[in-house]
Amino acid sequence: MKLFRNFVIFYALFSMSCTVSFALQDYWKNDLRTMFLNNDSLIKEINIRSFNSKDYDNDGFIQEDKGEIRGTFLNAIERLDELKNLGINTLHILPITPVGKLKALGTAGSLYAAADFDSLNPELIDKNSDLTPEQQAKLFIKEAHKRNIRVIVDIPACASYDLFLERPDLFVTNSNGEPIIPADWTDVRLLNAGTDDKIETNVYSLYKDFVKYMLSLGVDGIRADVAHSKPASFWKELIEYSRTKDPEFLWLAESSESWHSAISPQAVFTPYDKLLDAGFDGYYGSFFDIKDWKSSKQLYKTIETTLANLKKFKDKKAVIGSFTTHDEVSPIILKGKNLSERIIWMSATLPINSYFVDGFQTGDDYLYKNGNKLAPSSYTDDDTYFSHRGKIDIFNLSRKPGGKYNELKNDFLLGNDVKNSLLPLLNEGVFTPLKTSNNKVFAYKFENNIKKVITIGNLDYEKSMNVSVRVPKFNPKRQNLLPIKITKMPEVKRGKLILDLNPGETVVIIIHELL
C-alpha cells in the first residue's frame, strides 16, 4: 500500500513537472523594448505576402491560376529557422491589414492602403487550413518566439479609398468633400488625426483598436508609418495605453532628423524629437544618405549628429541603421556588392540597431521581369504589375526575395556575430573619427581599456586608394592587430596604418592590448 501511495505521489509530481515544462515552452515574455534601447535588435524587414511565395515560372509575380503560391502566415514559418541562423532576433512585418482595391496601385494593392484596421489581410491567410485568420497569425508569431525572434508590425499612416467610401468621417477632405491625396501616393487618402490641442477621436479609436488587436495576437511592438503625420498628443496617449498592457511594447517611429516637411499642406508635421518626447523608443537616423556620401566629413557628420541627438532626451532612445529600407533602391543597383558590404560592417561597428530588408543578404536587386507591364489578371482596378524599380515589391503578389550574391551571406553572418561580440564596447565607447590622408577614405573607432575597433572605408567605388590612417596611442609592441574584415593586412609606420583599399572596400580591424 505504501509503495502504491509513493507511486501515486511520484506520478502526480512527474505529471505536474511535465505540465510546468510544457507551459514554460509556450510562455513568452516580451523584452523587445529593453533590447532595442541597448542596440541589441538585429531586425529583418519582411513582406509576408512574398516572404515564402512560390514563383515557378520565375517571372517575378505569383499567378495562382497557374498553381503558384503566395506567401502566408503559415508557409512563412518554414523560413524562421533560416532567419534564426542568420542571427536575426527581430522581424519588422510590413502591414498585415486588408488592402484597398479601388484607385489602387498594382495587381494586389499597396500594403499601406489599409481598407480597415481591425482584421487581417485575407491574402496572408492559407485558405486550406482549418485555423482561423487570427489563429494562423498567432501560430506564426508563436513559432517566431520559439526561435527567440521578436515581432514588430507596421501600422499604415493613411488608408484606402475603399475605407473613405465606407467611413468618410475618418478623413481630411477639401471644400468639395473629396479626400486628400498626400504627397504623390495616389492609392491612399489622408486620415484626420486632429491636432495636439484636439485629437480626432474616431481616428484615435481606429488606431487604439489596432493596438489592442496586435497585443491579442502576441505582437511585441509597432513601427508607425510616417509617424510625423500625426500630432504628438495622439501618439502619447496611444503609447501610454499600450504600456499599461505591456511595458516592453516597442514603438518605432518612421521619422528622421533630416525630415522637415508635412506629407500634405492639410497634414500636421511633428518633428522626430517631439515624437520621442511623446514616448517613441526610436526613429530612423539619416543613414539612408549613405548612397550620397562623397567625403568622410559627410559620413562623420551623420554619425555625430545621430549620436548627439540621442543624448538630448531624459529617457533612453535608440535608432535603427536605416541604410536601406523598402523605400530605398537596392544597394546592388546603386553601387554594387561593396555598398552592401559597407552597410553590413557599419551596422556591425556603430551603436545602432541593425536593420536589413529581406533579400539584402544575397544582394537582391528587386527587379521584376514583368514589372510595370500589363498583367493577365488583377485583384484590384489596376491592370498592371506596378512596381518601384529596385525596391522590394509592396503592390503585387510577388516572388520570394533573394539575389545571386550568395557570398554576401557569409559577410552578413560574420557581421552579425561581430556586432554581438562588440556591443558592450560600442555602447560604452566614444565615436572618434580618425585622420586619413584622403578625404574620400573614412576611418572611425570605438574603444575601451582593452581594445579598440576601427572601421575604414573607401568612398570611391571606382578607384583604389593607398591611404594612411593615424591611430593615436597605437603601439605595435604592446598591441595586436586582429583583422576582422580585410583583403590585405596594413603596414604599420609610426602609429599609422598604411592600407591599399579596393574601390568601395570596407575594412574592420580590432586593436587589442597584449596581456
Protein backbone atom coordinates (compact mmCIF):
# COMPACT_ATOMS: atom_id res chain seq x y z
CA MET A 1 0.00 0.00 0.00
CA LYS A 2 2.86 2.34 0.94
CA LEU A 3 4.59 1.51 -2.35
CA PHE A 4 1.40 2.29 -4.26
CA ARG A 5 0.99 5.60 -2.39
CA ASN A 6 4.58 6.59 -3.21
CA PHE A 7 3.96 5.70 -6.85
CA VAL A 8 0.84 7.90 -6.92
CA ILE A 9 2.80 10.82 -5.38
CA PHE A 10 5.68 10.30 -7.85
CA TYR A 11 3.27 10.15 -10.79
CA ALA A 12 1.48 13.30 -9.65
CA LEU A 13 4.76 15.17 -9.24
CA PHE A 14 6.00 13.89 -12.61
CA SER A 15 2.79 14.96 -14.32
CA MET A 16 2.98 18.36 -12.66
CA SER A 17 6.61 18.85 -13.76
CA CYS A 18 5.68 17.90 -17.33
CA THR A 19 2.80 20.36 -17.28
CA VAL A 20 5.08 23.12 -15.97
CA SER A 21 7.72 22.21 -18.56
CA PHE A 22 5.25 22.37 -21.43
CA ALA A 23 3.81 25.60 -20.04
CA LEU A 24 7.28 27.15 -19.91
CA GLN A 25 7.87 26.19 -23.53
CA ASP A 26 4.71 28.07 -24.52
CA TYR A 27 5.48 31.10 -22.34
CA TRP A 28 6.89 34.25 -23.90
CA LYS A 29 7.93 37.37 -22.04
CA ASN A 30 8.43 40.36 -24.30
CA ASP A 31 11.83 42.06 -23.86
CA LEU A 32 11.98 43.94 -27.16
CA ARG A 33 11.99 47.47 -25.77
CA THR A 34 14.94 46.71 -23.49
CA MET A 35 16.82 45.01 -26.33
CA PHE A 36 16.19 47.86 -28.73
CA LEU A 37 17.29 50.55 -26.30
CA ASN A 38 20.50 48.54 -25.80
CA ASN A 39 21.09 48.46 -29.60
CA ASP A 40 20.73 44.68 -29.42
CA SER A 41 18.00 44.29 -32.05
CA LEU A 42 19.02 42.75 -35.37
CA ILE A 43 15.97 43.49 -37.49
CA LYS A 44 14.82 41.94 -40.75
CA GLU A 45 12.04 43.69 -42.67
CA ILE A 46 9.72 41.21 -44.40
CA ASN A 47 6.57 41.24 -46.50
CA ILE A 48 4.51 38.18 -45.54
CA ARG A 49 2.77 38.34 -48.94
CA SER A 50 6.05 37.49 -50.71
CA PHE A 51 8.20 36.12 -47.87
CA ASN A 52 7.85 32.46 -48.86
CA SER A 53 5.91 32.65 -52.11
CA LYS A 54 6.44 30.11 -54.91
CA ASP A 55 7.08 31.69 -58.33
CA TYR A 56 7.55 28.59 -60.50
CA ASP A 57 7.94 30.34 -63.88
CA ASN A 58 10.36 32.97 -62.49
CA ASP A 59 8.56 35.98 -63.98
CA GLY A 60 8.62 37.77 -60.63
CA PHE A 61 4.91 37.58 -59.87
CA ILE A 62 2.53 34.99 -58.48
CA GLN A 63 -0.28 33.68 -60.68
CA GLU A 64 -2.41 31.46 -58.53
CA ASP A 65 -4.40 30.17 -61.51
CA LYS A 66 -1.13 28.52 -62.64
CA GLY A 67 -0.63 26.83 -59.28
CA GLU A 68 1.85 29.38 -57.93
CA ILE A 69 1.63 30.13 -54.21
CA ARG A 70 1.60 33.48 -52.42
CA GLY A 71 3.20 34.00 -49.04
CA THR A 72 1.05 33.34 -45.98
CA PHE A 73 1.50 33.35 -42.22
CA LEU A 74 1.63 29.56 -42.27
CA ASN A 75 4.16 29.00 -45.04
CA ALA A 76 6.28 31.84 -43.61
CA ILE A 77 7.02 29.55 -40.65
CA GLU A 78 9.21 27.46 -42.98
CA ARG A 79 11.76 30.31 -43.19
CA LEU A 80 12.04 31.12 -39.48
CA ASP A 81 14.95 28.75 -38.89
CA GLU A 82 16.79 30.39 -41.78
CA LEU A 83 16.36 33.80 -40.14
CA LYS A 84 17.47 32.49 -36.76
CA ASN A 85 20.60 31.02 -38.35
CA LEU A 86 21.34 34.42 -39.93
CA GLY A 87 21.35 35.97 -36.45
CA ILE A 88 18.01 37.76 -36.82
CA ASN A 89 16.28 38.36 -33.48
CA THR A 90 13.52 40.76 -34.58
CA LEU A 91 11.12 40.91 -37.52
CA HIS A 92 9.58 44.08 -38.88
CA ILE A 93 6.49 42.85 -40.75
CA LEU A 94 5.12 45.22 -43.36
CA PRO A 95 1.37 45.96 -42.91
CA ILE A 96 -0.92 42.99 -42.41
CA THR A 97 -4.16 44.98 -42.63
CA PRO A 98 -6.60 44.35 -45.54
CA VAL A 99 -5.69 46.27 -48.70
CA GLY A 100 -7.93 48.59 -50.73
CA LYS A 101 -8.80 47.58 -54.29
CA LEU A 102 -10.14 50.90 -55.66
CA LYS A 103 -7.87 53.55 -57.20
CA ALA A 104 -5.16 51.04 -56.37
CA LEU A 105 -1.55 50.55 -57.42
CA GLY A 106 -0.53 47.07 -58.53
CA THR A 107 -2.50 43.89 -59.00
CA ALA A 108 -2.83 43.24 -55.27
CA GLY A 109 -2.79 46.82 -54.00
CA SER A 110 -0.30 48.62 -51.76
CA LEU A 111 0.25 47.16 -48.30
CA TYR A 112 -0.04 50.72 -46.98
CA ALA A 113 -3.51 51.34 -48.45
CA ALA A 114 -5.37 49.98 -45.43
CA ALA A 115 -9.00 49.04 -46.02
CA ASP A 116 -9.61 48.59 -42.29
CA PHE A 117 -7.63 48.31 -39.07
CA ASP A 118 -9.44 45.56 -37.17
CA SER A 119 -8.89 42.46 -39.30
CA LEU A 120 -6.12 40.67 -41.18
CA ASN A 121 -5.32 40.84 -44.87
CA PRO A 122 -7.05 37.75 -46.36
CA GLU A 123 -4.18 37.44 -48.87
CA LEU A 124 -1.97 36.34 -45.96
CA ILE A 125 -4.28 33.53 -44.91
CA ASP A 126 -3.98 29.90 -46.00
CA LYS A 127 -7.47 29.02 -47.25
CA ASN A 128 -6.75 25.29 -46.95
CA SER A 129 -6.16 25.48 -43.21
CA ASP A 130 -8.86 24.87 -40.61
CA LEU A 131 -7.32 27.58 -38.42
CA THR A 132 -8.97 31.00 -38.27
CA PRO A 133 -7.01 34.00 -39.62
CA GLU A 134 -6.15 35.06 -36.08
CA GLN A 135 -5.02 31.54 -35.17
CA GLN A 136 -2.74 31.46 -38.23
CA ALA A 137 -1.15 34.81 -37.33
CA LYS A 138 -0.76 33.75 -33.69
CA LEU A 139 0.89 30.49 -34.74
CA PHE A 140 3.43 32.34 -36.88
CA ILE A 141 4.23 34.73 -34.01
CA LYS A 142 4.41 31.86 -31.53
CA GLU A 143 6.85 29.97 -33.80
CA ALA A 144 8.96 33.13 -34.12
CA HIS A 145 9.04 33.45 -30.34
CA LYS A 146 10.12 29.82 -30.01
CA ARG A 147 13.20 30.79 -32.01
CA ASN A 148 13.79 33.88 -29.83
CA ILE A 149 12.63 36.19 -32.63
CA ARG A 150 10.51 39.22 -31.69
CA VAL A 151 7.82 40.65 -33.96
CA ILE A 152 7.11 44.28 -34.88
CA VAL A 153 4.08 45.04 -37.06
CA ASP A 154 3.72 48.12 -39.27
CA ILE A 155 0.71 50.42 -38.87
CA PRO A 156 -0.13 52.42 -42.03
CA ALA A 157 -0.24 56.21 -41.79
CA CYS A 158 -3.05 56.60 -44.33
CA ALA A 159 -5.94 54.49 -45.60
CA SER A 160 -7.52 53.35 -48.85
CA TYR A 161 -10.19 54.97 -50.98
CA ASP A 162 -12.36 51.96 -50.15
CA LEU A 163 -12.32 52.92 -46.47
CA PHE A 164 -13.11 56.53 -47.33
CA LEU A 165 -16.29 55.41 -49.11
CA GLU A 166 -17.24 53.42 -46.01
CA ARG A 167 -16.10 55.90 -43.33
CA PRO A 168 -15.67 59.45 -44.72
CA ASP A 169 -15.67 60.78 -41.15
CA LEU A 170 -12.12 59.44 -40.72
CA PHE A 171 -10.56 61.55 -43.47
CA VAL A 172 -9.40 65.07 -44.27
CA THR A 173 -11.44 66.44 -47.17
CA ASN A 174 -11.33 69.52 -49.38
CA SER A 175 -14.14 72.03 -49.93
CA ASN A 176 -15.80 69.63 -52.38
CA GLY A 177 -15.84 66.80 -49.83
CA GLU A 178 -13.13 64.88 -51.66
CA PRO A 179 -10.43 63.09 -49.64
CA ILE A 180 -6.89 64.45 -49.73
CA ILE A 181 -4.15 62.55 -51.59
CA PRO A 182 -0.92 63.04 -49.57
CA ALA A 183 2.41 63.56 -51.37
CA ASP A 184 2.22 61.58 -54.64
CA TRP A 185 0.73 58.47 -53.02
CA THR A 186 -2.27 58.24 -55.33
CA ASP A 187 -3.55 55.00 -53.83
CA VAL A 188 -4.09 56.33 -50.26
CA ARG A 189 -6.05 59.11 -48.59
CA LEU A 190 -5.10 61.29 -45.62
CA LEU A 191 -6.57 60.31 -42.25
CA ASN A 192 -7.64 63.13 -39.93
CA ALA A 193 -5.82 62.58 -36.65
CA GLY A 194 -6.52 66.11 -35.44
CA THR A 195 -4.06 68.42 -33.70
CA ASP A 196 -2.16 68.47 -30.42
CA ASP A 197 -4.97 70.56 -28.94
CA LYS A 198 -7.76 68.34 -30.25
CA ILE A 199 -7.25 64.72 -31.26
CA GLU A 200 -9.87 63.32 -33.63
CA THR A 201 -11.39 60.56 -31.53
CA ASN A 202 -12.64 58.47 -34.48
CA VAL A 203 -9.15 58.02 -35.92
CA TYR A 204 -7.64 57.58 -32.47
CA SER A 205 -10.16 54.81 -31.72
CA LEU A 206 -9.25 53.15 -35.01
CA TYR A 207 -5.59 53.06 -34.01
CA LYS A 208 -6.30 52.04 -30.43
CA ASP A 209 -8.35 49.10 -31.67
CA PHE A 210 -5.43 48.14 -33.93
CA VAL A 211 -3.04 48.18 -30.97
CA LYS A 212 -5.44 46.03 -28.94
CA TYR A 213 -5.67 43.62 -31.87
CA MET A 214 -1.89 43.34 -32.21
CA LEU A 215 -1.47 42.77 -28.48
CA SER A 216 -4.04 39.97 -28.65
CA LEU A 217 -2.00 38.30 -31.41
CA GLY A 218 1.18 38.41 -29.32
CA VAL A 219 2.98 41.16 -31.26
CA ASP A 220 5.97 42.74 -29.45
CA GLY A 221 5.93 46.24 -30.93
CA ILE A 222 4.76 48.62 -33.64
CA ARG A 223 6.53 50.57 -36.36
CA ALA A 224 4.50 53.70 -37.09
CA ASP A 225 4.48 54.53 -40.79
CA VAL A 226 5.13 58.26 -41.47
CA ALA A 227 4.77 58.91 -37.74
CA HIS A 228 5.32 62.64 -38.19
CA SER A 229 1.92 62.94 -39.95
CA LYS A 230 0.08 62.74 -36.61
CA PRO A 231 0.26 65.03 -33.57
CA ALA A 232 2.48 64.16 -30.61
CA SER A 233 -0.50 64.05 -28.22
CA PHE A 234 -2.14 61.40 -30.44
CA TRP A 235 0.88 59.13 -30.09
CA LYS A 236 1.47 59.93 -26.42
CA GLU A 237 -1.98 58.75 -25.44
CA LEU A 238 -1.74 55.63 -27.63
CA ILE A 239 1.74 54.67 -26.41
CA GLU A 240 0.77 55.16 -22.77
CA TYR A 241 -2.23 52.91 -23.33
CA SER A 242 -0.06 50.14 -24.82
CA ARG A 243 2.42 50.35 -21.95
CA THR A 244 -0.35 49.66 -19.43
CA LYS A 245 -0.80 46.34 -21.23
CA ASP A 246 2.87 45.57 -21.91
CA PRO A 247 5.68 47.80 -20.57
CA GLU A 248 8.11 46.20 -23.06
CA PHE A 249 5.97 47.02 -26.10
CA LEU A 250 8.27 48.81 -28.58
CA TRP A 251 7.34 51.90 -30.57
CA LEU A 252 9.50 52.73 -33.61
CA ALA A 253 8.76 55.97 -35.47
CA GLU A 254 9.35 56.30 -39.17
CA SER A 255 10.86 59.73 -38.76
CA SER A 256 14.27 61.34 -39.10
CA GLU A 257 16.10 64.48 -38.01
CA SER A 258 16.58 65.29 -41.70
CA TRP A 259 12.85 65.38 -42.49
CA HIS A 260 11.23 68.80 -42.11
CA SER A 261 8.00 68.94 -44.13
CA ALA A 262 4.49 67.51 -43.94
CA ILE A 263 3.23 64.94 -46.44
CA SER A 264 0.44 67.35 -47.41
CA PRO A 265 -0.48 71.01 -46.79
CA GLN A 266 -3.50 69.66 -44.90
CA ALA A 267 -1.38 67.35 -42.69
CA VAL A 268 0.35 68.15 -39.43
CA PHE A 269 4.12 67.75 -39.12
CA THR A 270 5.57 66.51 -35.83
CA PRO A 271 9.39 66.53 -35.77
CA TYR A 272 11.29 63.46 -34.61
CA ASP A 273 12.24 64.93 -31.21
CA LYS A 274 8.59 65.63 -30.33
CA LEU A 275 7.73 62.05 -31.30
CA LEU A 276 10.44 60.73 -28.99
CA ASP A 277 9.19 63.01 -26.21
CA ALA A 278 5.73 61.52 -26.79
CA GLY A 279 7.05 58.05 -25.97
CA PHE A 280 8.53 56.56 -29.12
CA ASP A 281 11.62 54.48 -28.32
CA GLY A 282 13.42 55.01 -31.58
CA TYR A 283 13.50 56.53 -35.03
CA TYR A 284 15.41 56.48 -38.32
CA GLY A 285 18.86 58.03 -38.37
CA SER A 286 19.82 59.71 -41.64
CA PHE A 287 21.86 56.69 -42.70
CA PHE A 288 19.85 56.30 -45.92
CA ASP A 289 22.07 59.10 -47.27
CA ILE A 290 24.95 56.60 -47.43
CA LYS A 291 24.48 56.42 -51.21
CA ASP A 292 25.27 60.14 -51.49
CA TRP A 293 28.33 60.38 -49.22
CA LYS A 294 31.32 61.65 -51.23
CA SER A 295 33.67 62.59 -48.41
CA SER A 296 34.47 61.33 -44.94
CA LYS A 297 33.15 64.58 -43.42
CA GLN A 298 29.62 63.79 -44.62
CA LEU A 299 29.76 60.37 -43.01
CA TYR A 300 31.18 61.71 -39.75
CA LYS A 301 28.57 64.46 -39.56
CA THR A 302 25.71 61.97 -39.96
CA ILE A 303 27.04 59.68 -37.24
CA GLU A 304 27.93 62.51 -34.85
CA THR A 305 24.56 64.20 -35.32
CA THR A 306 22.65 60.97 -34.70
CA LEU A 307 24.63 60.02 -31.58
CA ALA A 308 24.41 63.57 -30.19
CA ASN A 309 20.65 63.72 -30.78
CA LEU A 310 20.11 60.55 -28.77
CA LYS A 311 21.68 62.18 -25.71
CA LYS A 312 19.16 65.04 -25.66
CA PHE A 313 16.36 63.02 -24.11
CA LYS A 314 15.61 62.33 -20.48
CA ASP A 315 14.61 58.76 -21.30
CA LYS A 316 16.86 56.41 -23.23
CA LYS A 317 16.31 56.36 -27.01
CA ALA A 318 17.84 54.48 -29.95
CA VAL A 319 17.89 54.43 -33.76
CA ILE A 320 17.82 51.80 -36.47
CA GLY A 321 20.59 51.58 -39.05
CA SER A 322 18.30 52.76 -41.83
CA PHE A 323 20.94 52.43 -44.57
CA THR A 324 18.45 50.56 -46.73
CA THR A 325 14.70 50.06 -46.31
CA HIS A 326 11.78 49.23 -48.59
CA ASP A 327 11.79 52.92 -49.58
CA GLU A 328 15.42 52.77 -50.77
CA VAL A 329 16.80 51.41 -54.05
CA SER A 330 18.80 48.19 -53.65
CA PRO A 331 22.48 48.80 -52.80
CA ILE A 332 23.39 46.35 -55.58
CA ILE A 333 21.88 48.68 -58.19
CA LEU A 334 23.35 51.82 -56.63
CA LYS A 335 26.98 50.81 -56.08
CA GLY A 336 27.26 47.05 -56.43
CA LYS A 337 28.13 44.47 -53.79
CA ASN A 338 30.61 46.73 -51.97
CA LEU A 339 27.85 49.07 -50.78
CA SER A 340 26.01 46.08 -49.28
CA GLU A 341 29.20 45.05 -47.50
CA ARG A 342 29.65 48.59 -46.20
CA ILE A 343 26.13 48.55 -44.79
CA ILE A 344 26.83 45.22 -43.06
CA TRP A 345 30.04 46.45 -41.46
CA MET A 346 28.88 49.90 -40.46
CA SER A 347 25.84 48.25 -38.88
CA ALA A 348 28.25 45.96 -37.01
CA THR A 349 30.52 48.75 -35.75
CA LEU A 350 28.11 51.50 -34.71
CA PRO A 351 25.90 51.69 -31.56
CA ILE A 352 22.67 51.35 -33.53
CA ASN A 353 20.08 48.63 -34.10
CA SER A 354 20.97 46.71 -37.27
CA TYR A 355 18.25 46.76 -39.92
CA PHE A 356 18.02 44.88 -43.23
CA VAL A 357 15.39 44.22 -45.89
CA ASP A 358 14.57 40.61 -46.81
CA GLY A 359 16.75 39.65 -49.77
CA PHE A 360 19.55 42.05 -48.81
CA GLN A 361 21.69 39.18 -47.50
CA THR A 362 22.05 37.75 -51.03
CA GLY A 363 22.03 41.03 -52.93
CA ASP A 364 18.51 41.17 -54.36
CA ASP A 365 18.15 43.93 -56.97
CA TYR A 366 14.34 43.85 -56.63
CA LEU A 367 13.88 43.94 -60.39
CA TYR A 368 10.83 42.07 -61.66
CA LYS A 369 10.73 40.61 -65.17
CA ASN A 370 7.21 41.87 -65.90
CA GLY A 371 7.35 44.93 -63.66
CA ASN A 372 5.04 47.75 -64.83
CA LYS A 373 3.74 45.63 -67.70
CA LEU A 374 0.13 44.67 -68.37
CA ALA A 375 -0.96 41.80 -66.12
CA PRO A 376 -3.15 38.89 -67.31
CA SER A 377 -5.40 39.38 -64.27
CA SER A 378 -5.70 41.60 -61.23
CA TYR A 379 -7.29 41.65 -57.77
CA THR A 380 -7.63 45.46 -57.97
CA ASP A 381 -8.76 48.07 -60.51
CA ASP A 382 -5.13 48.39 -61.68
CA ASP A 383 -4.31 46.04 -64.54
CA THR A 384 -0.52 46.50 -64.47
CA TYR A 385 2.23 44.99 -62.33
CA PHE A 386 3.04 48.41 -60.87
CA SER A 387 6.36 48.34 -59.03
CA HIS A 388 9.12 50.67 -57.87
CA ARG A 389 12.37 49.95 -59.71
CA GLY A 390 14.95 48.40 -57.43
CA LYS A 391 12.73 48.31 -54.35
CA ILE A 392 11.09 45.30 -52.70
CA ASP A 393 7.60 44.98 -54.17
CA ILE A 394 4.66 46.00 -51.98
CA PHE A 395 2.00 46.28 -54.70
CA ASN A 396 1.56 42.75 -56.09
CA LEU A 397 1.65 39.10 -55.20
CA SER A 398 5.35 38.80 -55.99
CA ARG A 399 8.31 36.44 -55.78
CA LYS A 400 10.24 35.50 -52.68
CA PRO A 401 13.13 37.96 -52.16
CA GLY A 402 16.60 36.66 -52.97
CA GLY A 403 19.63 37.58 -55.06
CA LYS A 404 22.57 35.91 -56.76
CA TYR A 405 25.37 37.17 -54.48
CA ASN A 406 25.42 34.25 -52.09
CA GLU A 407 28.92 35.19 -50.86
CA LEU A 408 27.29 38.21 -49.20
CA LYS A 409 25.62 35.84 -46.80
CA ASN A 410 28.98 34.92 -45.25
CA ASP A 411 29.70 38.60 -44.59
CA PHE A 412 26.18 39.02 -43.25
CA LEU A 413 26.66 36.16 -40.79
CA LEU A 414 30.11 37.33 -39.72
CA GLY A 415 28.99 40.94 -39.37
CA ASN A 416 26.09 39.95 -37.14
CA ASP A 417 28.36 37.80 -34.96
CA VAL A 418 30.88 40.63 -34.68
CA LYS A 419 28.12 43.07 -33.72
CA ASN A 420 27.04 40.80 -30.87
CA SER A 421 30.61 40.49 -29.55
CA LEU A 422 31.33 44.24 -29.86
CA LEU A 423 28.06 45.56 -28.48
CA PRO A 424 29.31 46.37 -24.95
CA LEU A 425 32.30 48.21 -26.45
CA LEU A 426 30.11 50.14 -28.89
CA ASN A 427 27.58 51.13 -26.22
CA GLU A 428 30.24 52.23 -23.73
CA GLY A 429 32.78 53.68 -26.14
CA VAL A 430 33.02 57.07 -27.81
CA PHE A 431 32.83 57.63 -31.55
CA THR A 432 36.15 59.08 -32.71
CA PRO A 433 36.86 59.99 -36.34
CA LEU A 434 40.45 59.20 -37.34
CA LYS A 435 42.62 61.34 -39.57
CA THR A 436 43.24 59.87 -43.02
CA SER A 437 45.45 61.02 -45.88
CA ASN A 438 42.48 61.23 -48.27
CA ASN A 439 39.06 62.74 -47.60
CA LYS A 440 37.43 60.03 -49.73
CA VAL A 441 38.51 57.49 -47.11
CA PHE A 442 36.75 57.43 -43.75
CA ALA A 443 38.02 55.87 -40.55
CA TYR A 444 36.49 55.80 -37.07
CA LYS A 445 36.99 53.94 -33.82
CA PHE A 446 35.31 52.92 -30.61
CA GLU A 447 37.49 51.83 -27.71
CA ASN A 448 37.77 50.82 -24.07
CA ASN A 449 40.78 49.98 -21.88
CA ILE A 450 41.36 46.63 -23.57
CA LYS A 451 40.59 47.03 -27.25
CA LYS A 452 39.50 49.37 -29.99
CA VAL A 453 37.56 48.57 -33.12
CA ILE A 454 38.46 50.56 -36.23
CA THR A 455 36.34 50.78 -39.38
CA ILE A 456 37.89 52.14 -42.57
CA GLY A 457 36.24 52.60 -45.96
CA ASN A 458 36.97 53.85 -49.46
CA LEU A 459 34.04 56.06 -50.55
CA ASP A 460 35.22 55.93 -54.16
CA TYR A 461 33.54 52.93 -55.80
CA GLU A 462 35.64 53.23 -58.98
CA LYS A 463 39.21 53.87 -57.82
CA SER A 464 41.59 52.07 -55.48
CA MET A 465 43.20 54.12 -52.72
CA ASN A 466 46.53 53.96 -50.96
CA VAL A 467 45.91 55.69 -47.66
CA SER A 468 47.39 56.19 -44.22
CA VAL A 469 45.23 56.25 -41.10
CA ARG A 470 46.60 57.79 -37.93
CA VAL A 471 45.67 55.82 -34.79
CA PRO A 472 46.52 57.79 -31.62
CA LYS A 473 48.41 55.87 -28.91
CA PHE A 474 48.86 52.84 -31.15
CA ASN A 475 52.00 50.91 -30.18
CA PRO A 476 52.57 47.66 -32.14
CA LYS A 477 54.93 46.45 -29.40
CA ARG A 478 52.11 46.46 -26.85
CA GLN A 479 49.08 45.94 -29.08
CA ASN A 480 47.98 43.30 -31.56
CA LEU A 481 46.19 43.90 -34.86
CA LEU A 482 43.32 41.47 -35.31
CA PRO A 483 41.82 41.55 -38.84
CA ILE A 484 38.04 41.05 -38.94
CA LYS A 485 37.17 42.18 -42.47
CA ILE A 486 40.16 42.87 -44.72
CA THR A 487 41.74 41.72 -48.00
CA LYS A 488 45.34 42.68 -47.19
CA MET A 489 46.95 43.40 -43.82
CA PRO A 490 48.05 47.03 -43.37
CA GLU A 491 51.63 48.13 -42.98
CA VAL A 492 52.39 49.86 -39.67
CA LYS A 493 54.55 53.00 -39.61
CA ARG A 494 54.90 55.49 -36.73
CA GLY A 495 51.43 54.97 -35.31
CA LYS A 496 49.81 54.89 -38.74
CA LEU A 497 48.14 52.11 -40.67
CA ILE A 498 49.08 52.11 -44.36
CA LEU A 499 46.45 50.39 -46.50
CA ASP A 500 45.71 49.64 -50.11
CA LEU A 501 41.92 49.80 -50.42
CA ASN A 502 39.99 48.40 -53.36
CA PRO A 503 37.18 50.52 -54.85
CA GLY A 504 34.40 50.77 -52.27
CA GLU A 505 36.19 48.44 -49.84
CA THR A 506 35.36 48.49 -46.13
CA VAL A 507 37.90 47.22 -43.57
CA VAL A 508 37.36 46.33 -39.92
CA ILE A 509 40.30 45.83 -37.55
CA ILE A 510 40.47 45.28 -33.81
CA ILE A 511 43.49 46.54 -31.89
CA HIS A 512 43.90 44.53 -28.71
CA GLU A 513 46.17 45.21 -25.73
CA LEU A 514 48.76 42.50 -25.10
CA LEU A 515 48.34 40.98 -21.64
